[in-house]
Amino acid sequence: MGTEKEYTPLSGYIMLVFEFLIMALAIWGLITLRNPMFIIPLALGLLLVPGFFFINPNASMVLVLFGDYKGTVKKNGFYWVNPFFSKKSISLRARNFDSEKIKVNDKVGNPIQIGVILVWQVRDTFKAAFEVDNYEDFVKIQSDAAVRKLAGMYSYDNFDDDHEVTLRSGHDEVNHMLEENLRNRLEMAGIHVIEARIGYLAYAPEIASAMLRRQQAAAVVSARYKIVEGAVSMVQMALDHLSKQEIIELDEERKAAMVSNLMVVLCADKDVTPVVNTGTLHQ
């Protein structure tokens, strides 16, 4: 497997002066001296023209001579190389890739829609140019493959175990796993993964409404649990306080009635309408 190597070309400005001199000499000889031999420097000047090129900041040029990789120029500027070199420009800038929303099954088989946002850049121009056919398409296809693998490793959500890492709750761990997966896949193409994270996550339309009702039911049950837990504590506090202050002596039957009334008041969904008892506790 080959590796990237730096290539130092000639300055384009020096060769441009040389080019002008050759062309001027050829034109002067053909017009003034009418000597057909000056066609040779004219042809040479035209032959040198394809060797000029320039590189912008954060760009590179891969140079190949008849199938032989000669090196990569990364320093920006104006240069000249052998005109028989084939040149391929590769950008070294960081790029964003927002994948299409794909439909996959999560760990427990629920159909979900998921998309990834990837920030990447080319680090090894040799691998990007020669190890894969098209490195940009390679990034897209491998990103989809990594997302499908990630979705099969985690469930979208878990209503039974709050400690389980899921796609919805385990952002840091899930995104870290996605980055590592993509780094391993894209390394062969000379691609450096700067950041990868889930950009879109939702249940598939056919089960979205059912899962929403399940989430709502789970939320209601959780809320009810907290309400009942708090109500029981408040009733216990009330009974203990009454007994401690010796405000009233309650037998077991009256305690049961008081507990029932307090639980209704504290756990009711709507405001409770108070009823004033002007008689005894038994009336």
Protein backbone atom coordinates (compact mmCIF):
# COMPACT_ATOMS: atom_id res chain seq x y z
CA MET A 1 0.00 0.00 0.00
CA GLY A 2 1.43 3.40 -1.01
CA THR A 3 1.66 6.46 1.18
CA GLU A 4 1.39 10.16 0.54
CA LYS A 5 4.61 12.03 -0.21
CA GLU A 6 5.37 15.70 -0.72
CA TYR A 7 6.41 17.00 -4.11
CA THR A 8 8.27 20.28 -4.60
CA PRO A 9 7.51 21.81 -8.03
CA LEU A 10 9.22 24.70 -9.79
CA SER A 11 8.02 28.25 -9.29
CA GLY A 12 5.44 29.15 -11.85
CA TYR A 13 6.65 32.75 -12.06
CA ILE A 14 10.17 31.75 -13.13
CA MET A 15 8.83 29.38 -15.75
CA LEU A 16 6.37 32.03 -16.92
CA VAL A 17 9.27 34.40 -17.71
CA PHE A 18 11.05 31.54 -19.51
CA GLU A 19 7.84 30.82 -21.43
CA PHE A 20 7.50 34.45 -22.56
CA LEU A 21 11.13 34.50 -23.73
CA ILE A 22 10.73 31.33 -25.78
CA MET A 23 7.48 32.51 -27.34
CA ALA A 24 8.93 35.96 -28.09
CA LEU A 25 12.00 34.39 -29.70
CA ALA A 26 9.88 32.06 -31.80
CA ILE A 27 7.57 34.83 -33.00
CA TRP A 28 10.52 37.17 -33.71
CA GLY A 29 12.32 34.50 -35.73
CA LEU A 30 9.26 33.55 -37.76
CA ILE A 31 8.26 37.13 -38.58
CA THR A 32 11.64 38.87 -38.87
CA LEU A 33 13.97 36.16 -40.13
CA ARG A 34 11.26 34.04 -41.78
CA ASN A 35 13.15 30.98 -40.64
CA PRO A 36 10.90 27.89 -40.27
CA MET A 37 13.32 26.47 -37.69
CA PHE A 38 11.78 28.85 -35.14
CA ILE A 39 8.69 26.66 -35.18
CA ILE A 40 10.61 24.39 -32.77
CA PRO A 41 10.79 26.94 -29.89
CA LEU A 42 7.18 27.90 -30.65
CA ALA A 43 6.10 24.26 -30.28
CA LEU A 44 8.23 23.95 -27.14
CA GLY A 45 6.56 27.01 -25.64
CA LEU A 46 3.11 25.61 -26.37
CA LEU A 47 4.14 22.27 -24.89
CA LEU A 48 5.15 23.90 -21.61
CA VAL A 49 1.80 25.65 -21.08
CA PRO A 50 -0.10 22.62 -19.55
CA GLY A 51 2.55 22.43 -16.82
CA PHE A 52 1.31 25.60 -15.09
CA PHE A 53 -1.12 25.31 -12.19
CA PHE A 54 -1.95 27.03 -8.92
CA ILE A 55 -3.12 25.81 -5.53
CA ASN A 56 -5.50 27.67 -3.25
CA PRO A 57 -5.22 27.55 0.57
CA ASN A 58 -6.39 24.21 2.00
CA ALA A 59 -6.17 22.52 -1.38
CA SER A 60 -3.77 20.02 -2.92
CA MET A 61 -2.70 18.63 -6.27
CA VAL A 62 -1.91 14.95 -6.82
CA LEU A 63 0.70 14.42 -9.57
CA VAL A 64 0.99 11.24 -11.66
CA LEU A 65 3.34 10.54 -14.57
CA PHE A 66 2.13 7.72 -16.84
CA GLY A 67 0.63 5.81 -13.91
CA ASP A 68 3.51 6.51 -11.52
CA TYR A 69 2.55 8.53 -8.44
CA LYS A 70 5.10 11.34 -8.07
CA GLY A 71 3.73 13.16 -5.02
CA THR A 72 1.29 15.73 -3.73
CA VAL A 73 1.67 19.49 -3.64
CA LYS A 74 -0.10 21.04 -0.63
CA LYS A 75 1.55 24.46 -0.29
CA ASN A 76 -0.56 27.12 -1.95
CA GLY A 77 0.98 29.14 -4.77
CA PHE A 78 1.70 29.24 -8.53
CA TYR A 79 3.79 26.35 -9.87
CA TRP A 80 5.01 24.53 -12.93
CA VAL A 81 5.66 20.82 -13.37
CA ASN A 82 6.34 18.43 -16.19
CA PRO A 83 3.52 19.04 -18.71
CA PHE A 84 3.07 15.27 -19.06
CA PHE A 85 2.03 15.02 -15.42
CA SER A 86 -1.64 14.27 -14.90
CA LYS A 87 -3.01 16.45 -12.13
CA LYS A 88 -5.91 15.81 -9.75
CA SER A 89 -7.07 18.50 -7.37
CA ILE A 90 -8.26 17.39 -3.91
CA SER A 91 -9.68 19.81 -1.37
CA LEU A 92 -8.33 19.64 2.18
CA ARG A 93 -11.11 21.79 3.65
CA ALA A 94 -13.47 20.48 6.30
CA ARG A 95 -16.82 19.45 4.84
CA ASN A 96 -20.29 18.83 6.21
CA PHE A 97 -22.35 15.83 5.20
CA ASP A 98 -25.99 15.67 6.25
CA SER A 99 -27.20 12.20 5.35
CA GLU A 100 -30.64 11.31 4.11
CA LYS A 101 -33.11 10.03 6.68
CA ILE A 102 -33.00 6.25 6.38
CA LYS A 103 -35.48 3.74 7.77
CA VAL A 104 -33.93 0.99 9.90
CA ASN A 105 -34.84 -1.28 12.80
CA ASP A 106 -33.45 -0.60 16.25
CA LYS A 107 -32.12 -3.21 18.68
CA VAL A 108 -35.59 -4.49 19.61
CA GLY A 109 -36.94 -4.39 16.06
CA ASN A 110 -38.87 -1.12 16.11
CA PRO A 111 -38.74 0.71 12.75
CA ILE A 112 -37.15 4.13 13.15
CA GLN A 113 -35.91 6.96 10.94
CA ILE A 114 -32.39 8.19 11.57
CA GLY A 115 -29.92 10.57 9.94
CA VAL A 116 -26.34 11.57 10.71
CA ILE A 117 -24.36 14.81 10.48
CA LEU A 118 -20.71 14.22 9.63
CA VAL A 119 -17.82 16.72 9.57
CA TRP A 120 -14.83 15.33 7.67
CA GLN A 121 -11.75 16.25 5.66
CA VAL A 122 -9.12 14.55 3.53
CA ARG A 123 -5.87 13.85 5.39
CA ASP A 124 -4.09 11.41 3.06
CA THR A 125 -4.41 12.44 -0.59
CA PHE A 126 -2.83 9.23 -1.88
CA LYS A 127 -5.50 7.06 -0.23
CA ALA A 128 -8.28 9.42 -1.30
CA ALA A 129 -7.10 9.38 -4.91
CA PHE A 130 -6.06 5.75 -5.37
CA GLU A 131 -7.38 3.51 -2.58
CA VAL A 132 -11.06 4.14 -3.42
CA ASP A 133 -12.82 4.87 -6.68
CA ASN A 134 -14.59 8.06 -5.54
CA TYR A 135 -13.87 9.21 -2.00
CA GLU A 136 -16.91 11.51 -1.78
CA ASP A 137 -19.32 8.68 -2.69
CA PHE A 138 -17.37 6.42 -0.35
CA VAL A 139 -18.07 8.79 2.56
CA LYS A 140 -21.81 8.82 1.81
CA ILE A 141 -22.19 5.06 1.47
CA GLN A 142 -20.07 4.22 4.51
CA SER A 143 -21.95 6.79 6.60
CA ASP A 144 -25.24 5.07 5.79
CA ALA A 145 -23.70 1.69 6.65
CA ALA A 146 -22.39 3.02 9.97
CA VAL A 147 -25.81 4.47 10.87
CA ARG A 148 -27.52 1.15 10.13
CA LYS A 149 -25.02 -0.70 12.33
CA LEU A 150 -25.44 1.86 15.13
CA ALA A 151 -29.24 1.60 15.09
CA GLY A 152 -28.99 -2.18 15.53
CA MET A 153 -26.82 -1.79 18.63
CA TYR A 154 -29.24 0.35 20.66
CA SER A 155 -32.97 0.59 21.15
CA TYR A 156 -34.72 3.87 20.40
CA ASP A 157 -36.03 4.12 23.94
CA ASN A 158 -36.57 1.88 26.94
CA PHE A 159 -39.60 2.33 29.17
CA ASP A 160 -38.62 -0.42 31.61
CA ASP A 161 -34.96 0.34 32.41
CA ASP A 162 -33.97 3.95 32.89
CA HIS A 163 -30.28 3.00 33.16
CA GLU A 164 -30.01 1.38 29.71
CA VAL A 165 -28.25 3.47 27.07
CA THR A 166 -30.60 4.23 24.19
CA LEU A 167 -30.45 6.25 20.99
CA ARG A 168 -32.65 8.94 22.52
CA SER A 169 -30.99 9.28 25.92
CA GLY A 170 -27.35 8.21 25.47
CA HIS A 171 -26.17 11.09 23.31
CA ASP A 172 -22.50 11.11 24.33
CA GLU A 173 -21.93 7.37 24.21
CA VAL A 174 -23.96 6.86 21.02
CA ASN A 175 -22.23 9.70 19.17
CA HIS A 176 -18.82 8.46 20.35
CA MET A 177 -19.62 4.98 19.05
CA LEU A 178 -20.74 6.48 15.74
CA GLU A 179 -17.49 8.47 15.41
CA GLU A 180 -15.32 5.41 16.11
CA ASN A 181 -17.27 3.32 13.62
CA LEU A 182 -16.91 5.96 10.92
CA ARG A 183 -13.19 6.48 11.62
CA ASN A 184 -12.54 2.77 11.13
CA ARG A 185 -14.54 2.70 7.90
CA LEU A 186 -13.14 5.89 6.34
CA GLU A 187 -9.50 5.46 7.34
CA MET A 188 -8.74 3.42 4.23
CA ALA A 189 -9.81 6.39 2.08
CA GLY A 190 -7.55 8.84 3.93
CA ILE A 191 -10.57 10.56 5.51
CA HIS A 192 -10.32 12.14 8.96
CA VAL A 193 -13.59 12.27 10.93
CA ILE A 194 -13.75 15.55 12.85
CA GLU A 195 -17.22 15.05 14.33
CA ALA A 196 -20.16 12.72 13.87
CA ARG A 197 -23.51 12.89 15.59
CA ILE A 198 -27.12 11.88 15.09
CA GLY A 199 -28.92 14.73 13.35
CA TYR A 200 -32.41 13.23 13.10
CA LEU A 201 -34.12 10.53 15.13
CA ALA A 202 -37.79 9.54 15.15
CA TYR A 203 -40.05 6.53 15.06
CA ALA A 204 -41.22 5.46 11.61
CA PRO A 205 -44.63 6.93 10.67
CA GLU A 206 -46.44 3.58 10.92
CA ILE A 207 -45.71 3.22 14.65
CA ALA A 208 -45.16 6.84 15.66
CA SER A 209 -48.71 7.38 17.00
CA ALA A 210 -48.71 4.10 18.95
CA MET A 211 -45.31 4.83 20.51
CA LEU A 212 -46.45 8.35 21.39
CA ARG A 213 -49.42 6.92 23.30
CA ARG A 214 -47.05 4.53 25.05
CA GLN A 215 -44.80 7.40 26.07
CA GLN A 216 -47.79 9.36 27.34
CA ALA A 217 -49.02 6.35 29.32
CA ALA A 218 -45.57 5.85 30.84
CA ALA A 219 -45.45 9.51 31.78
CA VAL A 220 -48.89 9.32 33.40
CA VAL A 221 -47.93 6.20 35.39
CA SER A 222 -44.71 7.85 36.54
CA ALA A 223 -46.55 11.00 37.57
CA ARG A 224 -49.19 8.97 39.42
CA TYR A 225 -46.50 7.07 41.25
CA LYS A 226 -44.94 10.29 42.49
CA ILE A 227 -48.33 11.71 43.47
CA VAL A 228 -49.31 8.62 45.46
CA GLU A 229 -45.88 8.45 47.09
CA GLY A 230 -46.17 12.08 48.15
CA ALA A 231 -49.77 11.68 49.31
CA VAL A 232 -48.91 8.71 51.52
CA SER A 233 -46.10 10.70 53.12
CA MET A 234 -48.40 13.67 53.75
CA VAL A 235 -51.10 11.46 55.30
CA GLN A 236 -48.52 9.84 57.55
CA MET A 237 -47.26 13.27 58.61
CA ALA A 238 -50.81 14.44 59.34
CA LEU A 239 -51.62 11.42 61.50
CA ASP A 240 -48.33 11.64 63.37
CA HIS A 241 -48.81 15.36 63.97
CA LEU A 242 -52.37 14.91 65.28
CA SER A 243 -51.23 12.12 67.58
CA LYS A 244 -48.22 14.06 68.83
CA GLN A 245 -50.13 17.24 69.54
CA GLU A 246 -53.00 15.25 71.12
CA ILE A 247 -55.50 17.32 69.20
CA ILE A 248 -57.91 14.44 68.75
CA GLU A 249 -57.95 10.75 69.51
CA LEU A 250 -58.77 8.66 66.46
CA ASP A 251 -59.66 5.01 66.52
CA GLU A 252 -58.78 2.71 63.62
CA GLU A 253 -62.09 3.29 61.87
CA ARG A 254 -61.76 7.08 62.02
CA LYS A 255 -58.12 6.88 60.90
CA ALA A 256 -59.22 4.80 57.91
CA ALA A 257 -61.89 7.37 57.03
CA MET A 258 -59.40 10.23 57.38
CA VAL A 259 -56.82 8.44 55.26
CA SER A 260 -59.43 7.76 52.58
CA ASN A 261 -60.55 11.39 52.48
CA LEU A 262 -56.99 12.76 52.38
CA MET A 263 -55.95 10.37 49.62
CA VAL A 264 -58.94 11.42 47.52
CA VAL A 265 -58.08 15.09 48.03
CA LEU A 266 -54.36 14.71 47.32
CA CYS A 267 -54.60 12.30 44.38
CA ALA A 268 -57.64 13.72 42.56
CA ASP A 269 -57.20 15.02 39.00
CA LYS A 270 -59.62 17.87 39.61
CA ASP A 271 -60.21 20.29 42.44
CA VAL A 272 -62.10 18.68 45.30
CA THR A 273 -65.31 20.32 46.55
CA PRO A 274 -65.12 20.44 50.36
CA VAL A 275 -68.09 19.28 52.42
CA VAL A 276 -68.47 20.84 55.89
CA ASN A 277 -69.71 18.37 58.49
CA THR A 278 -71.60 20.29 61.23
CA GLY A 279 -72.50 17.17 63.18
CA THR A 280 -70.38 14.42 64.69
CA LEU A 281 -67.86 12.34 62.88
CA HIS A 282 -70.48 9.58 62.48
CA GLN A 283 -73.10 11.83 60.88
